[in-house]
């Protein structure tokens, strides 16, 4: 069983941003419909980008761009996680609850 620690929202954000592409499991509340979503993802993936600037500024919208590792082959796996609604993160075998 994984060890569990508690992080503040700012600590969780820093941990995700500084994960250096490590695979992580993130539980968060979707902005669109309020449902809980669990995603296996990583930051820093650029292989499938089409080029050009993003349609919006992720920092202004308080979003973290990630690549969803469980998307069907051939589909765009890029997603954004709303940082204010992250509930937990599992990375490097350690589970962190976010308060």
PDB file of N, CA and C in Angstrom:
ATOM      1  N   UNK A   1       0.842  -1.186   0.000  1.00  0.00           N
ATOM      2  CA  UNK A   1       0.000   0.000   0.000  1.00  0.00           C
ATOM      3  C   UNK A   1       0.887   1.249   0.000  1.00  0.00           C
ATOM      4  N   UNK A   2       0.476   2.251  -0.745  1.00  0.00           N
ATOM      5  CA  UNK A   2       1.253   3.485  -0.866  1.00  0.00           C
ATOM      6  C   UNK A   2       1.143   4.326   0.411  1.00  0.00           C
ATOM      7  N   UNK A   3       2.206   4.998   0.723  1.00  0.00           N
ATOM      8  CA  UNK A   3       2.233   5.933   1.846  1.00  0.00           C
ATOM      9  C   UNK A   3       1.368   7.142   1.493  1.00  0.00           C
ATOM     10  N   UNK A   4       0.670   7.726   2.485  1.00  0.00           N
ATOM     11  CA  UNK A   4      -0.175   8.886   2.236  1.00  0.00           C
ATOM     12  C   UNK A   4       0.303  10.076   3.052  1.00  0.00           C
ATOM     13  N   UNK A   5       0.458  11.199   2.370  1.00  0.00           N
ATOM     14  CA  UNK A   5       0.809  12.460   3.001  1.00  0.00           C
ATOM     15  C   UNK A   5      -0.227  13.495   2.588  1.00  0.00           C
ATOM     16  N   UNK A   6      -0.166  14.689   3.194  1.00  0.00           N
ATOM     17  CA  UNK A   6      -1.088  15.762   2.866  1.00  0.00           C
ATOM     18  C   UNK A   6      -0.311  16.954   2.336  1.00  0.00           C
ATOM     19  N   UNK A   7      -0.853  17.583   1.288  1.00  0.00           N
ATOM     20  CA  UNK A   7      -0.246  18.764   0.683  1.00  0.00           C
ATOM     21  C   UNK A   7      -1.262  19.898   0.638  1.00  0.00           C
ATOM     22  N   UNK A   8      -0.754  21.125   0.641  1.00  0.00           N
ATOM     23  CA  UNK A   8      -1.625  22.262   0.361  1.00  0.00           C
ATOM     24  C   UNK A   8      -1.798  22.336  -1.155  1.00  0.00           C
ATOM     25  N   UNK A   9      -2.724  23.146  -1.621  1.00  0.00           N
ATOM     26  CA  UNK A   9      -2.939  23.303  -3.063  1.00  0.00           C
ATOM     27  C   UNK A   9      -1.687  23.841  -3.749  1.00  0.00           C
ATOM     28  N   UNK A  10      -1.000  24.781  -3.113  1.00  0.00           N
ATOM     29  CA  UNK A  10       0.225  25.342  -3.693  1.00  0.00           C
ATOM     30  C   UNK A  10       1.332  24.291  -3.775  1.00  0.00           C
ATOM     31  N   UNK A  11       1.462  23.468  -2.740  1.00  0.00           N
ATOM     32  CA  UNK A  11       2.464  22.407  -2.760  1.00  0.00           C
ATOM     33  C   UNK A  11       2.140  21.382  -3.846  1.00  0.00           C
ATOM     34  N   UNK A  12       0.860  21.056  -3.995  1.00  0.00           N
ATOM     35  CA  UNK A  12       0.446  20.098  -5.024  1.00  0.00           C
ATOM     36  C   UNK A  12       0.748  20.645  -6.417  1.00  0.00           C
ATOM     37  N   UNK A  13       0.450  21.918  -6.629  1.00  0.00           N
ATOM     38  CA  UNK A  13       0.736  22.545  -7.916  1.00  0.00           C
ATOM     39  C   UNK A  13       2.229  22.494  -8.218  1.00  0.00           C
ATOM     40  N   UNK A  14       3.054  22.845  -7.242  1.00  0.00           N
ATOM     41  CA  UNK A  14       4.501  22.823  -7.436  1.00  0.00           C
ATOM     42  C   UNK A  14       4.989  21.407  -7.734  1.00  0.00           C
ATOM     43  N   UNK A  15       4.451  20.420  -7.029  1.00  0.00           N
ATOM     44  CA  UNK A  15       4.861  19.037  -7.249  1.00  0.00           C
ATOM     45  C   UNK A  15       4.520  18.584  -8.666  1.00  0.00           C
ATOM     46  N   UNK A  16       3.323  18.925  -9.152  1.00  0.00           N
ATOM     47  CA  UNK A  16       2.925  18.528 -10.506  1.00  0.00           C
ATOM     48  C   UNK A  16       3.755  19.256 -11.556  1.00  0.00           C
ATOM     49  N   UNK A  17       3.964  20.551 -11.371  1.00  0.00           N
ATOM     50  CA  UNK A  17       4.746  21.334 -12.341  1.00  0.00           C
ATOM     51  C   UNK A  17       6.207  20.871 -12.399  1.00  0.00           C
ATOM     52  N   UNK A  18       6.735  20.418 -11.278  1.00  0.00           N
ATOM     53  CA  UNK A  18       8.136  20.009 -11.204  1.00  0.00           C
ATOM     54  C   UNK A  18       8.320  18.492 -11.286  1.00  0.00           C
ATOM     55  N   UNK A  19       7.347  17.793 -11.828  1.00  0.00           N
ATOM     56  CA  UNK A  19       7.409  16.330 -11.883  1.00  0.00           C
ATOM     57  C   UNK A  19       8.374  15.813 -12.950  1.00  0.00           C
ATOM     58  N   UNK A  20       8.867  16.702 -13.811  1.00  0.00           N
ATOM     59  CA  UNK A  20       9.839  16.331 -14.845  1.00  0.00           C
ATOM     60  C   UNK A  20       9.370  15.168 -15.716  1.00  0.00           C
ATOM     61  N   UNK A  21       8.099  15.175 -16.068  1.00  0.00           N
ATOM     62  CA  UNK A  21       7.568  14.169 -16.977  1.00  0.00           C
ATOM     63  C   UNK A  21       7.258  12.822 -16.357  1.00  0.00           C
ATOM     64  N   UNK A  22       7.356  12.711 -15.035  1.00  0.00           N
ATOM     65  CA  UNK A  22       7.027  11.437 -14.385  1.00  0.00           C
ATOM     66  C   UNK A  22       5.523  11.196 -14.484  1.00  0.00           C
ATOM     67  N   UNK A  23       5.168   9.932 -14.619  1.00  0.00           N
ATOM     68  CA  UNK A  23       3.754   9.573 -14.691  1.00  0.00           C
ATOM     69  C   UNK A  23       3.136   9.738 -13.309  1.00  0.00           C
ATOM     70  N   UNK A  24       1.954  10.358 -13.285  1.00  0.00           N
ATOM     71  CA  UNK A  24       1.253  10.584 -12.026  1.00  0.00           C
ATOM     72  C   UNK A  24      -0.229  10.303 -12.206  1.00  0.00           C
ATOM     73  N   UNK A  25      -0.871   9.994 -11.117  1.00  0.00           N
ATOM     74  CA  UNK A  25      -2.312   9.781 -11.089  1.00  0.00           C
ATOM     75  C   UNK A  25      -2.900  10.967 -10.341  1.00  0.00           C
ATOM     76  N   UNK A  26      -3.829  11.684 -10.982  1.00  0.00           N
ATOM     77  CA  UNK A  26      -4.407  12.888 -10.377  1.00  0.00           C
ATOM     78  C   UNK A  26      -5.924  12.739 -10.296  1.00  0.00           C
ATOM     79  N   UNK A  27      -6.486  13.020  -9.142  1.00  0.00           N
ATOM     80  CA  UNK A  27      -7.932  13.036  -8.945  1.00  0.00           C
ATOM     81  C   UNK A  27      -8.345  14.491  -8.785  1.00  0.00           C
ATOM     82  N   UNK A  28      -9.294  14.938  -9.616  1.00  0.00           N
ATOM     83  CA  UNK A  28      -9.722  16.328  -9.578  1.00  0.00           C
ATOM     84  C   UNK A  28     -11.191  16.436  -9.975  1.00  0.00           C
ATOM     85  N   UNK A  29     -11.776  17.612  -9.743  1.00  0.00           N
ATOM     86  CA  UNK A  29     -13.161  17.884 -10.118  1.00  0.00           C
ATOM     87  C   UNK A  29     -13.146  18.652 -11.434  1.00  0.00           C
ATOM     88  N   UNK A  30     -13.876  18.139 -12.418  1.00  0.00           N
ATOM     89  CA  UNK A  30     -13.944  18.793 -13.718  1.00  0.00           C
ATOM     90  C   UNK A  30     -14.737  20.093 -13.612  1.00  0.00           C
ATOM     91  N   UNK A  31     -14.256  21.136 -14.277  1.00  0.00           N
ATOM     92  CA  UNK A  31     -14.963  22.419 -14.276  1.00  0.00           C
ATOM     93  C   UNK A  31     -16.255  22.349 -15.076  1.00  0.00           C
ATOM     94  N   UNK A  32     -16.257  21.565 -16.137  1.00  0.00           N
ATOM     95  CA  UNK A  32     -17.396  21.555 -17.048  1.00  0.00           C
ATOM     96  C   UNK A  32     -18.669  21.008 -16.423  1.00  0.00           C
ATOM     97  N   UNK A  33     -18.555  19.920 -15.650  1.00  0.00           N
ATOM     98  CA  UNK A  33     -19.778  19.314 -15.116  1.00  0.00           C
ATOM     99  C   UNK A  33     -19.709  18.950 -13.633  1.00  0.00           C
ATOM    100  N   UNK A  34     -18.594  19.269 -12.968  1.00  0.00           N
ATOM    101  CA  UNK A  34     -18.481  19.017 -11.535  1.00  0.00           C
ATOM    102  C   UNK A  34     -18.225  17.573 -11.157  1.00  0.00           C
ATOM    103  N   UNK A  35     -17.986  16.703 -12.139  1.00  0.00           N
ATOM    104  CA  UNK A  35     -17.726  15.296 -11.834  1.00  0.00           C
ATOM    105  C   UNK A  35     -16.280  15.086 -11.419  1.00  0.00           C
ATOM    106  N   UNK A  36     -16.070  14.061 -10.584  1.00  0.00           N
ATOM    107  CA  UNK A  36     -14.716  13.673 -10.229  1.00  0.00           C
ATOM    108  C   UNK A  36     -14.090  12.964 -11.420  1.00  0.00           C
ATOM    109  N   UNK A  37     -12.836  13.265 -11.698  1.00  0.00           N
ATOM    110  CA  UNK A  37     -12.122  12.625 -12.807  1.00  0.00           C
ATOM    111  C   UNK A  37     -10.788  12.153 -12.284  1.00  0.00           C
ATOM    112  N   UNK A  38     -10.421  10.930 -12.606  1.00  0.00           N
ATOM    113  CA  UNK A  38      -9.116  10.396 -12.266  1.00  0.00           C
ATOM    114  C   UNK A  38      -8.333  10.235 -13.567  1.00  0.00           C
ATOM    115  N   UNK A  39      -7.133  10.781 -13.609  1.00  0.00           N
ATOM    116  CA  UNK A  39      -6.357  10.766 -14.840  1.00  0.00           C
ATOM    117  C   UNK A  39      -4.930  10.296 -14.566  1.00  0.00           C
ATOM    118  N   UNK A  40      -4.443   9.392 -15.417  1.00  0.00           N
ATOM    119  CA  UNK A  40      -3.041   8.996 -15.404  1.00  0.00           C
ATOM    120  C   UNK A  40      -2.385   9.853 -16.478  1.00  0.00           C
ATOM    121  N   UNK A  41      -1.443  10.699 -16.075  1.00  0.00           N
ATOM    122  CA  UNK A  41      -0.924  11.691 -17.004  1.00  0.00           C
ATOM    123  C   UNK A  41       0.524  12.028 -16.695  1.00  0.00           C
ATOM    124  N   UNK A  42       1.086  12.871 -17.551  1.00  0.00           N
ATOM    125  CA  UNK A  42       2.425  13.401 -17.323  1.00  0.00           C
ATOM    126  C   UNK A  42       2.542  14.766 -17.967  1.00  0.00           C
ATOM    127  N   UNK A  43       3.441  15.575 -17.479  1.00  0.00           N
ATOM    128  CA  UNK A  43       3.690  16.899 -18.048  1.00  0.00           C
ATOM    129  C   UNK A  43       4.849  16.803 -19.035  1.00  0.00           C
ATOM    130  N   UNK A  44       5.003  17.829 -19.845  1.00  0.00           N
ATOM    131  CA  UNK A  44       6.168  17.938 -20.705  1.00  0.00           C
ATOM    132  C   UNK A  44       6.140  17.157 -22.006  1.00  0.00           C
ATOM    133  N   UNK A  45       5.035  16.508 -22.349  1.00  0.00           N
ATOM    134  CA  UNK A  45       4.968  15.754 -23.603  1.00  0.00           C
ATOM    135  C   UNK A  45       4.735  16.735 -24.746  1.00  0.00           C
ATOM    136  N   UNK A  46       5.582  16.677 -25.771  1.00  0.00           N
ATOM    137  CA  UNK A  46       5.438  17.573 -26.918  1.00  0.00           C
ATOM    138  C   UNK A  46       5.380  16.819 -28.242  1.00  0.00           C
ATOM    139  N   UNK A  47       5.473  15.512 -28.211  1.00  0.00           N
ATOM    140  CA  UNK A  47       5.554  14.699 -29.426  1.00  0.00           C
ATOM    141  C   UNK A  47       4.380  14.902 -30.377  1.00  0.00           C
ATOM    142  N   UNK A  48       3.179  15.045 -29.865  1.00  0.00           N
ATOM    143  CA  UNK A  48       1.986  15.088 -30.707  1.00  0.00           C
ATOM    144  C   UNK A  48       1.456  16.491 -30.962  1.00  0.00           C
ATOM    145  N   UNK A  49       2.193  17.521 -30.537  1.00  0.00           N
ATOM    146  CA  UNK A  49       1.736  18.891 -30.761  1.00  0.00           C
ATOM    147  C   UNK A  49       1.745  19.223 -32.248  1.00  0.00           C
ATOM    148  N   UNK A  50       0.770  19.997 -32.689  1.00  0.00           N
ATOM    149  CA  UNK A  50       0.642  20.362 -34.091  1.00  0.00           C
ATOM    150  C   UNK A  50       1.401  21.639 -34.433  1.00  0.00           C
ATOM    151  N   UNK A  51       1.821  22.396 -33.452  1.00  0.00           N
ATOM    152  CA  UNK A  51       2.519  23.655 -33.697  1.00  0.00           C
ATOM    153  C   UNK A  51       1.597  24.837 -33.480  1.00  0.00           C
ATOM    154  N   UNK A  52       2.182  25.997 -33.338  1.00  0.00           N
ATOM    155  CA  UNK A  52       1.394  27.200 -33.093  1.00  0.00           C
ATOM    156  C   UNK A  52       1.158  27.403 -31.617  1.00  0.00           C
ATOM    157  N   UNK A  53       0.730  28.600 -31.262  1.00  0.00           N
ATOM    158  CA  UNK A  53       0.491  28.912 -29.847  1.00  0.00           C
ATOM    159  C   UNK A  53      -0.801  28.270 -29.338  1.00  0.00           C
ATOM    160  N   UNK A  54      -0.875  28.106 -28.038  1.00  0.00           N
ATOM    161  CA  UNK A  54      -2.102  27.597 -27.420  1.00  0.00           C
ATOM    162  C   UNK A  54      -3.219  28.616 -27.607  1.00  0.00           C
ATOM    163  N   UNK A  55      -4.445  28.151 -27.593  1.00  0.00           N
ATOM    164  CA  UNK A  55      -5.599  29.016 -27.807  1.00  0.00           C
ATOM    165  C   UNK A  55      -5.828  29.975 -26.634  1.00  0.00           C
ATOM    166  N   UNK A  56      -5.250  29.657 -25.471  1.00  0.00           N
ATOM    167  CA  UNK A  56      -5.415  30.500 -24.289  1.00  0.00           C
ATOM    168  C   UNK A  56      -4.198  30.347 -23.399  1.00  0.00           C
ATOM    169  N   UNK A  57      -4.081  31.215 -22.392  1.00  0.00           N
ATOM    170  CA  UNK A  57      -2.974  31.185 -21.452  1.00  0.00           C
ATOM    171  C   UNK A  57      -3.353  30.272 -20.281  1.00  0.00           C
ATOM    172  N   UNK A  58      -2.631  29.161 -20.132  1.00  0.00           N
ATOM    173  CA  UNK A  58      -2.938  28.191 -19.080  1.00  0.00           C
ATOM    174  C   UNK A  58      -2.814  28.805 -17.689  1.00  0.00           C
ATOM    175  N   UNK A  59      -1.790  29.634 -17.477  1.00  0.00           N
ATOM    176  CA  UNK A  59      -1.587  30.236 -16.154  1.00  0.00           C
ATOM    177  C   UNK A  59      -2.729  31.174 -15.780  1.00  0.00           C
ATOM    178  N   UNK A  60      -3.213  31.965 -16.747  1.00  0.00           N
ATOM    179  CA  UNK A  60      -4.328  32.882 -16.472  1.00  0.00           C
ATOM    180  C   UNK A  60      -5.588  32.120 -16.079  1.00  0.00           C
ATOM    181  N   UNK A  61      -5.788  30.963 -16.675  1.00  0.00           N
ATOM    182  CA  UNK A  61      -6.970  30.153 -16.367  1.00  0.00           C
ATOM    183  C   UNK A  61      -6.717  29.159 -15.235  1.00  0.00           C
ATOM    184  N   UNK A  62      -5.514  29.228 -14.645  1.00  0.00           N
ATOM    185  CA  UNK A  62      -5.107  28.358 -13.541  1.00  0.00           C
ATOM    186  C   UNK A  62      -5.286  26.882 -13.899  1.00  0.00           C
ATOM    187  N   UNK A  63      -4.711  26.522 -15.072  1.00  0.00           N
ATOM    188  CA  UNK A  63      -4.765  25.152 -15.584  1.00  0.00           C
ATOM    189  C   UNK A  63      -3.356  24.599 -15.752  1.00  0.00           C
ATOM    190  N   UNK A  64      -3.224  23.297 -15.611  1.00  0.00           N
ATOM    191  CA  UNK A  64      -1.959  22.622 -15.860  1.00  0.00           C
ATOM    192  C   UNK A  64      -2.130  21.745 -17.094  1.00  0.00           C
ATOM    193  N   UNK A  65      -1.389  22.033 -18.182  1.00  0.00           N
ATOM    194  CA  UNK A  65      -1.484  21.184 -19.362  1.00  0.00           C
ATOM    195  C   UNK A  65      -0.736  19.866 -19.130  1.00  0.00           C
ATOM    196  N   UNK A  66      -1.392  18.754 -19.454  1.00  0.00           N
ATOM    197  CA  UNK A  66      -0.806  17.420 -19.277  1.00  0.00           C
ATOM    198  C   UNK A  66      -1.147  16.558 -20.492  1.00  0.00           C
ATOM    199  N   UNK A  67      -0.504  15.402 -20.578  1.00  0.00           N
ATOM    200  CA  UNK A  67      -0.832  14.419 -21.599  1.00  0.00           C
ATOM    201  C   UNK A  67      -1.470  13.232 -20.901  1.00  0.00           C
ATOM    202  N   UNK A  68      -2.718  12.908 -21.258  1.00  0.00           N
ATOM    203  CA  UNK A  68      -3.467  11.799 -20.678  1.00  0.00           C
ATOM    204  C   UNK A  68      -2.920  10.499 -21.259  1.00  0.00           C
ATOM    205  N   UNK A  69      -2.360   9.644 -20.426  1.00  0.00           N
ATOM    206  CA  UNK A  69      -1.707   8.412 -20.868  1.00  0.00           C
ATOM    207  C   UNK A  69      -2.697   7.311 -21.244  1.00  0.00           C
ATOM    208  N   UNK A  70      -3.982   7.496 -20.992  1.00  0.00           N
ATOM    209  CA  UNK A  70      -4.964   6.450 -21.252  1.00  0.00           C
ATOM    210  C   UNK A  70      -5.904   6.775 -22.413  1.00  0.00           C
ATOM    211  N   UNK A  71      -5.516   7.717 -23.263  1.00  0.00           N
ATOM    212  CA  UNK A  71      -6.335   8.081 -24.418  1.00  0.00           C
ATOM    213  C   UNK A  71      -6.096   7.071 -25.533  1.00  0.00           C
ATOM    214  N   UNK A  72      -7.149   6.757 -26.281  1.00  0.00           N
ATOM    215  CA  UNK A  72      -7.031   5.822 -27.401  1.00  0.00           C
ATOM    216  C   UNK A  72      -5.966   6.268 -28.387  1.00  0.00           C
ATOM    217  N   UNK A  73      -5.298   5.314 -29.000  1.00  0.00           N
ATOM    218  CA  UNK A  73      -4.282   5.620 -30.008  1.00  0.00           C
ATOM    219  C   UNK A  73      -4.907   6.425 -31.140  1.00  0.00           C
ATOM    220  N   UNK A  74      -4.191   7.421 -31.605  1.00  0.00           N
ATOM    221  CA  UNK A  74      -4.679   8.247 -32.699  1.00  0.00           C
ATOM    222  C   UNK A  74      -5.500   9.443 -32.272  1.00  0.00           C
ATOM    223  N   UNK A  75      -5.850   9.509 -31.004  1.00  0.00           N
ATOM    224  CA  UNK A  75      -6.624  10.648 -30.502  1.00  0.00           C
ATOM    225  C   UNK A  75      -5.711  11.605 -29.754  1.00  0.00           C
ATOM    226  N   UNK A  76      -6.113  12.848 -29.690  1.00  0.00           N
ATOM    227  CA  UNK A  76      -5.343  13.880 -28.998  1.00  0.00           C
ATOM    228  C   UNK A  76      -5.429  13.648 -27.490  1.00  0.00           C
ATOM    229  N   UNK A  77      -4.299  13.394 -26.849  1.00  0.00           N
ATOM    230  CA  UNK A  77      -4.282  13.107 -25.420  1.00  0.00           C
ATOM    231  C   UNK A  77      -4.006  14.304 -24.537  1.00  0.00           C
ATOM    232  N   UNK A  78      -3.892  15.485 -25.124  1.00  0.00           N
ATOM    233  CA  UNK A  78      -3.601  16.664 -24.312  1.00  0.00           C
ATOM    234  C   UNK A  78      -4.849  17.115 -23.567  1.00  0.00           C
ATOM    235  N   UNK A  79      -4.691  17.341 -22.260  1.00  0.00           N
ATOM    236  CA  UNK A  79      -5.785  17.774 -21.398  1.00  0.00           C
ATOM    237  C   UNK A  79      -5.270  18.869 -20.470  1.00  0.00           C
ATOM    238  N   UNK A  80      -6.183  19.530 -19.778  1.00  0.00           N
ATOM    239  CA  UNK A  80      -5.825  20.546 -18.787  1.00  0.00           C
ATOM    240  C   UNK A  80      -6.481  20.205 -17.466  1.00  0.00           C
ATOM    241  N   UNK A  81      -5.717  20.285 -16.404  1.00  0.00           N
ATOM    242  CA  UNK A  81      -6.227  20.010 -15.062  1.00  0.00           C
ATOM    243  C   UNK A  81      -6.429  21.333 -14.339  1.00  0.00           C
ATOM    244  N   UNK A  82      -7.652  21.600 -13.831  1.00  0.00           N
ATOM    245  CA  UNK A  82      -7.880  22.823 -13.045  1.00  0.00           C
ATOM    246  C   UNK A  82      -7.197  22.677 -11.675  1.00  0.00           C
ATOM    247  N   UNK A  83      -6.210  23.491 -11.439  1.00  0.00           N
ATOM    248  CA  UNK A  83      -5.370  23.328 -10.249  1.00  0.00           C
ATOM    249  C   UNK A  83      -6.116  23.542  -8.935  1.00  0.00           C
ATOM    250  N   UNK A  84      -7.155  24.358  -8.951  1.00  0.00           N
ATOM    251  CA  UNK A  84      -7.872  24.623  -7.692  1.00  0.00           C
ATOM    252  C   UNK A  84      -8.721  23.438  -7.235  1.00  0.00           C
ATOM    253  N   UNK A  85      -8.981  22.476  -8.123  1.00  0.00           N
ATOM    254  CA  UNK A  85      -9.870  21.377  -7.753  1.00  0.00           C
ATOM    255  C   UNK A  85      -9.178  20.024  -7.629  1.00  0.00           C
ATOM    256  N   UNK A  86      -7.844  20.014  -7.554  1.00  0.00           N
ATOM    257  CA  UNK A  86      -7.120  18.759  -7.378  1.00  0.00           C
ATOM    258  C   UNK A  86      -7.395  18.226  -5.975  1.00  0.00           C
ATOM    259  N   UNK A  87      -7.790  16.959  -5.895  1.00  0.00           N
ATOM    260  CA  UNK A  87      -8.114  16.325  -4.612  1.00  0.00           C
ATOM    261  C   UNK A  87      -6.978  15.428  -4.108  1.00  0.00           C
ATOM    262  N   UNK A  88      -6.279  14.753  -5.052  1.00  0.00           N
ATOM    263  CA  UNK A  88      -5.161  13.900  -4.652  1.00  0.00           C
ATOM    264  C   UNK A  88      -4.227  13.665  -5.827  1.00  0.00           C
ATOM    265  N   UNK A  89      -2.987  13.281  -5.495  1.00  0.00           N
ATOM    266  CA  UNK A  89      -1.960  12.979  -6.487  1.00  0.00           C
ATOM    267  C   UNK A  89      -1.222  11.739  -5.996  1.00  0.00           C
ATOM    268  N   UNK A  90      -0.917  10.828  -6.908  1.00  0.00           N
ATOM    269  CA  UNK A  90      -0.031   9.716  -6.598  1.00  0.00           C
ATOM    270  C   UNK A  90       1.136   9.802  -7.561  1.00  0.00           C
ATOM    271  N   UNK A  91       2.335   9.900  -7.020  1.00  0.00           N
ATOM    272  CA  UNK A  91       3.542  10.019  -7.838  1.00  0.00           C
ATOM    273  C   UNK A  91       4.686   9.341  -7.084  1.00  0.00           C
ATOM    274  N   UNK A  92       5.507   8.588  -7.800  1.00  0.00           N
ATOM    275  CA  UNK A  92       6.633   7.867  -7.190  1.00  0.00           C
ATOM    276  C   UNK A  92       6.194   6.943  -6.057  1.00  0.00           C
ATOM    277  N   UNK A  93       5.002   6.358  -6.178  1.00  0.00           N
ATOM    278  CA  UNK A  93       4.536   5.412  -5.168  1.00  0.00           C
ATOM    279  C   UNK A  93       4.003   6.044  -3.897  1.00  0.00           C
ATOM    280  N   UNK A  94       3.909   7.368  -3.866  1.00  0.00           N
ATOM    281  CA  UNK A  94       3.396   8.057  -2.687  1.00  0.00           C
ATOM    282  C   UNK A  94       2.090   8.747  -3.040  1.00  0.00           C
ATOM    283  N   UNK A  95       1.082   8.539  -2.213  1.00  0.00           N
ATOM    284  CA  UNK A  95      -0.239   9.147  -2.409  1.00  0.00           C
ATOM    285  C   UNK A  95      -0.324  10.394  -1.530  1.00  0.00           C
ATOM    286  N   UNK A  96      -0.719  11.496  -2.154  1.00  0.00           N
ATOM    287  CA  UNK A  96      -0.854  12.764  -1.442  1.00  0.00           C
ATOM    288  C   UNK A  96      -2.296  13.238  -1.514  1.00  0.00           C
ATOM    289  N   UNK A  97      -2.901  13.511  -0.371  1.00  0.00           N
ATOM    290  CA  UNK A  97      -4.207  14.158  -0.346  1.00  0.00           C
ATOM    291  C   UNK A  97      -3.959  15.653  -0.386  1.00  0.00           C
ATOM    292  N   UNK A  98      -4.818  16.356  -1.087  1.00  0.00           N
ATOM    293  CA  UNK A  98      -4.669  17.811  -1.213  1.00  0.00           C
ATOM    294  C   UNK A  98      -5.769  18.484  -0.407  1.00  0.00           C
ATOM    295  N   UNK A  99      -5.367  19.401   0.454  1.00  0.00           N
ATOM    296  CA  UNK A  99      -6.355  20.103   1.297  1.00  0.00           C
ATOM    297  C   UNK A  99      -6.458  21.544   0.875  1.00  0.00           C
TER     298      UNK A  99
END
